PDB file of N, CA and C in Angstrom:
ATOM      1  N   UNK A   1      62.679  37.806  19.044  1.00  0.00           N
ATOM      2  CA  UNK A   1      62.304  39.184  19.219  1.00  0.00           C
ATOM      3  C   UNK A   1      63.098  39.838  20.346  1.00  0.00           C
ATOM      4  N   UNK A   2      63.411  39.137  21.387  1.00  0.00           N
ATOM      5  CA  UNK A   2      64.010  39.747  22.546  1.00  0.00           C
ATOM      6  C   UNK A   2      65.433  40.218  22.301  1.00  0.00           C
ATOM      7  N   UNK A   3      66.119  39.620  21.352  1.00  0.00           N
ATOM      8  CA  UNK A   3      67.492  40.022  21.059  1.00  0.00           C
ATOM      9  C   UNK A   3      67.553  41.424  20.446  1.00  0.00           C
ATOM     10  N   UNK A   4      66.469  41.895  19.873  1.00  0.00           N
ATOM     11  CA  UNK A   4      66.462  43.195  19.216  1.00  0.00           C
ATOM     12  C   UNK A   4      66.082  44.344  20.141  1.00  0.00           C
ATOM     13  N   UNK A   5      65.691  44.052  21.372  1.00  0.00           N
ATOM     14  CA  UNK A   5      65.307  45.112  22.295  1.00  0.00           C
ATOM     15  C   UNK A   5      63.826  45.114  22.572  1.00  0.00           C
ATOM     16  N   UNK A   6      63.243  46.286  22.636  1.00  0.00           N
ATOM     17  CA  UNK A   6      61.821  46.415  22.942  1.00  0.00           C
ATOM     18  C   UNK A   6      61.004  46.398  21.667  1.00  0.00           C
ATOM     19  N   UNK A   7      60.344  45.303  21.416  1.00  0.00           N
ATOM     20  CA  UNK A   7      59.451  45.176  20.273  1.00  0.00           C
ATOM     21  C   UNK A   7      58.019  45.114  20.789  1.00  0.00           C
ATOM     22  N   UNK A   8      57.077  45.377  19.908  1.00  0.00           N
ATOM     23  CA  UNK A   8      55.688  45.258  20.319  1.00  0.00           C
ATOM     24  C   UNK A   8      54.855  44.699  19.192  1.00  0.00           C
ATOM     25  N   UNK A   9      53.747  44.101  19.568  1.00  0.00           N
ATOM     26  CA  UNK A   9      52.804  43.506  18.631  1.00  0.00           C
ATOM     27  C   UNK A   9      51.436  44.072  18.957  1.00  0.00           C
ATOM     28  N   UNK A  10      50.710  44.485  17.945  1.00  0.00           N
ATOM     29  CA  UNK A  10      49.347  44.962  18.138  1.00  0.00           C
ATOM     30  C   UNK A  10      48.403  43.859  17.673  1.00  0.00           C
ATOM     31  N   UNK A  11      47.514  43.458  18.563  1.00  0.00           N
ATOM     32  CA  UNK A  11      46.521  42.438  18.235  1.00  0.00           C
ATOM     33  C   UNK A  11      45.156  43.099  18.286  1.00  0.00           C
ATOM     34  N   UNK A  12      44.466  43.106  17.166  1.00  0.00           N
ATOM     35  CA  UNK A  12      43.137  43.685  17.085  1.00  0.00           C
ATOM     36  C   UNK A  12      42.181  42.880  17.964  1.00  0.00           C
ATOM     37  N   UNK A  13      41.293  43.560  18.678  1.00  0.00           N
ATOM     38  CA  UNK A  13      40.345  42.888  19.578  1.00  0.00           C
ATOM     39  C   UNK A  13      39.509  41.846  18.842  1.00  0.00           C
ATOM     40  N   UNK A  14      39.248  42.051  17.569  1.00  0.00           N
ATOM     41  CA  UNK A  14      38.474  41.085  16.797  1.00  0.00           C
ATOM     42  C   UNK A  14      39.237  39.797  16.523  1.00  0.00           C
ATOM     43  N   UNK A  15      40.545  39.841  16.695  1.00  0.00           N
ATOM     44  CA  UNK A  15      41.370  38.666  16.431  1.00  0.00           C
ATOM     45  C   UNK A  15      41.879  38.012  17.706  1.00  0.00           C
ATOM     46  N   UNK A  16      41.454  38.498  18.858  1.00  0.00           N
ATOM     47  CA  UNK A  16      42.012  38.022  20.118  1.00  0.00           C
ATOM     48  C   UNK A  16      41.760  36.531  20.350  1.00  0.00           C
ATOM     49  N   UNK A  17      40.716  35.972  19.785  1.00  0.00           N
ATOM     50  CA  UNK A  17      40.439  34.546  19.938  1.00  0.00           C
ATOM     51  C   UNK A  17      41.357  33.689  19.072  1.00  0.00           C
ATOM     52  N   UNK A  18      41.988  34.262  18.068  1.00  0.00           N
ATOM     53  CA  UNK A  18      42.824  33.520  17.143  1.00  0.00           C
ATOM     54  C   UNK A  18      44.301  33.610  17.473  1.00  0.00           C
ATOM     55  N   UNK A  19      44.690  34.585  18.266  1.00  0.00           N
ATOM     56  CA  UNK A  19      46.103  34.804  18.592  1.00  0.00           C
ATOM     57  C   UNK A  19      46.245  34.838  20.106  1.00  0.00           C
ATOM     58  N   UNK A  20      47.234  34.108  20.630  1.00  0.00           N
ATOM     59  CA  UNK A  20      47.511  34.130  22.067  1.00  0.00           C
ATOM     60  C   UNK A  20      48.754  34.978  22.303  1.00  0.00           C
ATOM     61  N   UNK A  21      48.579  36.271  22.611  1.00  0.00           N
ATOM     62  CA  UNK A  21      49.741  37.145  22.797  1.00  0.00           C
ATOM     63  C   UNK A  21      50.678  36.671  23.904  1.00  0.00           C
ATOM     64  N   UNK A  22      50.159  35.959  24.909  1.00  0.00           N
ATOM     65  CA  UNK A  22      51.011  35.509  26.001  1.00  0.00           C
ATOM     66  C   UNK A  22      52.038  34.481  25.536  1.00  0.00           C
ATOM     67  N   UNK A  23      51.807  33.855  24.402  1.00  0.00           N
ATOM     68  CA  UNK A  23      52.777  32.907  23.848  1.00  0.00           C
ATOM     69  C   UNK A  23      53.924  33.639  23.141  1.00  0.00           C
ATOM     70  N   UNK A  24      53.757  34.935  22.914  1.00  0.00           N
ATOM     71  CA  UNK A  24      54.743  35.704  22.161  1.00  0.00           C
ATOM     72  C   UNK A  24      55.573  36.653  23.010  1.00  0.00           C
ATOM     73  N   UNK A  25      55.159  36.904  24.244  1.00  0.00           N
ATOM     74  CA  UNK A  25      55.837  37.923  25.053  1.00  0.00           C
ATOM     75  C   UNK A  25      55.868  37.546  26.532  1.00  0.00           C
ATOM     76  N   UNK A  26      56.881  38.057  27.232  1.00  0.00           N
ATOM     77  CA  UNK A  26      56.980  37.834  28.677  1.00  0.00           C
ATOM     78  C   UNK A  26      56.035  38.737  29.442  1.00  0.00           C
ATOM     79  N   UNK A  27      55.858  39.957  28.951  1.00  0.00           N
ATOM     80  CA  UNK A  27      54.922  40.890  29.577  1.00  0.00           C
ATOM     81  C   UNK A  27      53.936  41.389  28.530  1.00  0.00           C
ATOM     82  N   UNK A  28      52.750  41.745  28.998  1.00  0.00           N
ATOM     83  CA  UNK A  28      51.696  42.218  28.112  1.00  0.00           C
ATOM     84  C   UNK A  28      51.188  43.568  28.580  1.00  0.00           C
ATOM     85  N   UNK A  29      50.651  44.321  27.653  1.00  0.00           N
ATOM     86  CA  UNK A  29      49.996  45.588  27.956  1.00  0.00           C
ATOM     87  C   UNK A  29      48.626  45.539  27.286  1.00  0.00           C
ATOM     88  N   UNK A  30      47.592  45.753  28.061  1.00  0.00           N
ATOM     89  CA  UNK A  30      46.238  45.770  27.508  1.00  0.00           C
ATOM     90  C   UNK A  30      45.728  47.196  27.510  1.00  0.00           C
ATOM     91  N   UNK A  31      45.100  47.556  26.401  1.00  0.00           N
ATOM     92  CA  UNK A  31      44.541  48.900  26.256  1.00  0.00           C
ATOM     93  C   UNK A  31      43.071  48.791  25.906  1.00  0.00           C
ATOM     94  N   UNK A  32      42.350  49.827  26.286  1.00  0.00           N
ATOM     95  CA  UNK A  32      40.938  49.929  25.913  1.00  0.00           C
ATOM     96  C   UNK A  32      40.712  51.353  25.455  1.00  0.00           C
ATOM     97  N   UNK A  33      40.305  51.504  24.218  1.00  0.00           N
ATOM     98  CA  UNK A  33      40.091  52.825  23.610  1.00  0.00           C
ATOM     99  C   UNK A  33      41.339  53.700  23.740  1.00  0.00           C
ATOM    100  N   UNK A  34      42.530  53.086  23.584  1.00  0.00           N
ATOM    101  CA  UNK A  34      43.782  53.815  23.606  1.00  0.00           C
ATOM    102  C   UNK A  34      44.367  54.071  24.982  1.00  0.00           C
ATOM    103  N   UNK A  35      43.642  53.733  26.040  1.00  0.00           N
ATOM    104  CA  UNK A  35      44.109  53.951  27.413  1.00  0.00           C
ATOM    105  C   UNK A  35      44.621  52.630  27.987  1.00  0.00           C
ATOM    106  N   UNK A  36      45.829  52.660  28.562  1.00  0.00           N
ATOM    107  CA  UNK A  36      46.378  51.446  29.166  1.00  0.00           C
ATOM    108  C   UNK A  36      45.562  51.090  30.401  1.00  0.00           C
ATOM    109  N   UNK A  37      45.051  49.849  30.430  1.00  0.00           N
ATOM    110  CA  UNK A  37      44.279  49.403  31.586  1.00  0.00           C
ATOM    111  C   UNK A  37      45.034  48.369  32.410  1.00  0.00           C
ATOM    112  N   UNK A  38      46.076  47.751  31.832  1.00  0.00           N
ATOM    113  CA  UNK A  38      46.860  46.779  32.589  1.00  0.00           C
ATOM    114  C   UNK A  38      48.170  46.499  31.881  1.00  0.00           C
ATOM    115  N   UNK A  39      49.189  46.183  32.673  1.00  0.00           N
ATOM    116  CA  UNK A  39      50.485  45.792  32.130  1.00  0.00           C
ATOM    117  C   UNK A  39      51.125  44.836  33.129  1.00  0.00           C
ATOM    118  N   UNK A  40      51.714  43.754  32.606  1.00  0.00           N
ATOM    119  CA  UNK A  40      52.381  42.810  33.498  1.00  0.00           C
ATOM    120  C   UNK A  40      52.517  41.434  32.891  1.00  0.00           C
ATOM    121  N   UNK A  41      52.729  40.464  33.761  1.00  0.00           N
ATOM    122  CA  UNK A  41      52.870  39.077  33.337  1.00  0.00           C
ATOM    123  C   UNK A  41      51.537  38.553  32.812  1.00  0.00           C
ATOM    124  N   UNK A  42      51.577  37.604  31.865  1.00  0.00           N
ATOM    125  CA  UNK A  42      50.328  37.077  31.301  1.00  0.00           C
ATOM    126  C   UNK A  42      49.329  36.595  32.362  1.00  0.00           C
ATOM    127  N   UNK A  43      49.795  35.914  33.400  1.00  0.00           N
ATOM    128  CA  UNK A  43      48.886  35.428  34.446  1.00  0.00           C
ATOM    129  C   UNK A  43      48.202  36.590  35.164  1.00  0.00           C
ATOM    130  N   UNK A  44      48.935  37.673  35.397  1.00  0.00           N
ATOM    131  CA  UNK A  44      48.359  38.845  36.056  1.00  0.00           C
ATOM    132  C   UNK A  44      47.318  39.520  35.164  1.00  0.00           C
ATOM    133  N   UNK A  45      47.590  39.573  33.878  1.00  0.00           N
ATOM    134  CA  UNK A  45      46.655  40.189  32.928  1.00  0.00           C
ATOM    135  C   UNK A  45      45.374  39.361  32.842  1.00  0.00           C
ATOM    136  N   UNK A  46      45.504  38.035  32.785  1.00  0.00           N
ATOM    137  CA  UNK A  46      44.329  37.157  32.701  1.00  0.00           C
ATOM    138  C   UNK A  46      43.399  37.329  33.899  1.00  0.00           C
ATOM    139  N   UNK A  47      43.953  37.647  35.063  1.00  0.00           N
ATOM    140  CA  UNK A  47      43.155  37.758  36.281  1.00  0.00           C
ATOM    141  C   UNK A  47      42.805  39.195  36.658  1.00  0.00           C
ATOM    142  N   UNK A  48      43.155  40.153  35.802  1.00  0.00           N
ATOM    143  CA  UNK A  48      42.897  41.566  36.079  1.00  0.00           C
ATOM    144  C   UNK A  48      41.413  41.878  35.853  1.00  0.00           C
ATOM    145  N   UNK A  49      40.754  42.405  36.879  1.00  0.00           N
ATOM    146  CA  UNK A  49      39.311  42.665  36.791  1.00  0.00           C
ATOM    147  C   UNK A  49      38.942  43.667  35.696  1.00  0.00           C
ATOM    148  N   UNK A  50      39.769  44.681  35.502  1.00  0.00           N
ATOM    149  CA  UNK A  50      39.467  45.677  34.465  1.00  0.00           C
ATOM    150  C   UNK A  50      39.599  45.069  33.067  1.00  0.00           C
ATOM    151  N   UNK A  51      40.575  44.183  32.877  1.00  0.00           N
ATOM    152  CA  UNK A  51      40.733  43.497  31.590  1.00  0.00           C
ATOM    153  C   UNK A  51      39.551  42.568  31.347  1.00  0.00           C
ATOM    154  N   UNK A  52      39.151  41.829  32.363  1.00  0.00           N
ATOM    155  CA  UNK A  52      38.002  40.923  32.228  1.00  0.00           C
ATOM    156  C   UNK A  52      36.755  41.715  31.853  1.00  0.00           C
ATOM    157  N   UNK A  53      36.539  42.835  32.514  1.00  0.00           N
ATOM    158  CA  UNK A  53      35.377  43.672  32.207  1.00  0.00           C
ATOM    159  C   UNK A  53      35.437  44.190  30.771  1.00  0.00           C
ATOM    160  N   UNK A  54      36.612  44.640  30.338  1.00  0.00           N
ATOM    161  CA  UNK A  54      36.756  45.207  28.995  1.00  0.00           C
ATOM    162  C   UNK A  54      36.568  44.162  27.900  1.00  0.00           C
ATOM    163  N   UNK A  55      37.101  42.966  28.101  1.00  0.00           N
ATOM    164  CA  UNK A  55      37.081  41.969  27.039  1.00  0.00           C
ATOM    165  C   UNK A  55      35.881  41.037  27.090  1.00  0.00           C
ATOM    166  N   UNK A  56      35.333  40.811  28.294  1.00  0.00           N
ATOM    167  CA  UNK A  56      34.230  39.845  28.415  1.00  0.00           C
ATOM    168  C   UNK A  56      32.948  40.474  28.916  1.00  0.00           C
ATOM    169  N   UNK A  57      32.998  41.723  29.356  1.00  0.00           N
ATOM    170  CA  UNK A  57      31.794  42.412  29.775  1.00  0.00           C
ATOM    171  C   UNK A  57      31.326  42.068  31.179  1.00  0.00           C
ATOM    172  N   UNK A  58      32.129  41.432  31.975  1.00  0.00           N
ATOM    173  CA  UNK A  58      31.732  41.102  33.341  1.00  0.00           C
ATOM    174  C   UNK A  58      32.616  40.021  33.913  1.00  0.00           C
ATOM    175  N   UNK A  59      32.109  39.362  34.945  1.00  0.00           N
ATOM    176  CA  UNK A  59      32.868  38.298  35.597  1.00  0.00           C
ATOM    177  C   UNK A  59      33.052  37.128  34.640  1.00  0.00           C
ATOM    178  N   UNK A  60      34.229  36.580  34.619  1.00  0.00           N
ATOM    179  CA  UNK A  60      34.555  35.461  33.730  1.00  0.00           C
ATOM    180  C   UNK A  60      35.592  34.599  34.428  1.00  0.00           C
ATOM    181  N   UNK A  61      35.393  33.318  34.418  1.00  0.00           N
ATOM    182  CA  UNK A  61      36.353  32.406  35.038  1.00  0.00           C
ATOM    183  C   UNK A  61      37.338  31.963  33.979  1.00  0.00           C
ATOM    184  N   UNK A  62      38.619  32.264  34.197  1.00  0.00           N
ATOM    185  CA  UNK A  62      39.663  31.914  33.220  1.00  0.00           C
ATOM    186  C   UNK A  62      40.126  30.493  33.414  1.00  0.00           C
TER     187      UNK A  62
END
């Protein structure tokens, strides 16, 4: 994918348990209701408090 430039993949929230986007990209962008809530390296996204709140509904240990 990287040889072609800027590509993107949309993963439906209902499928997030079946697909690991961090295995497909160097950087990730997380959105909630169309608004970007985080962008960066997979490790940074996993530890982002707003992402944790949006996807798990509260504190979650990764």
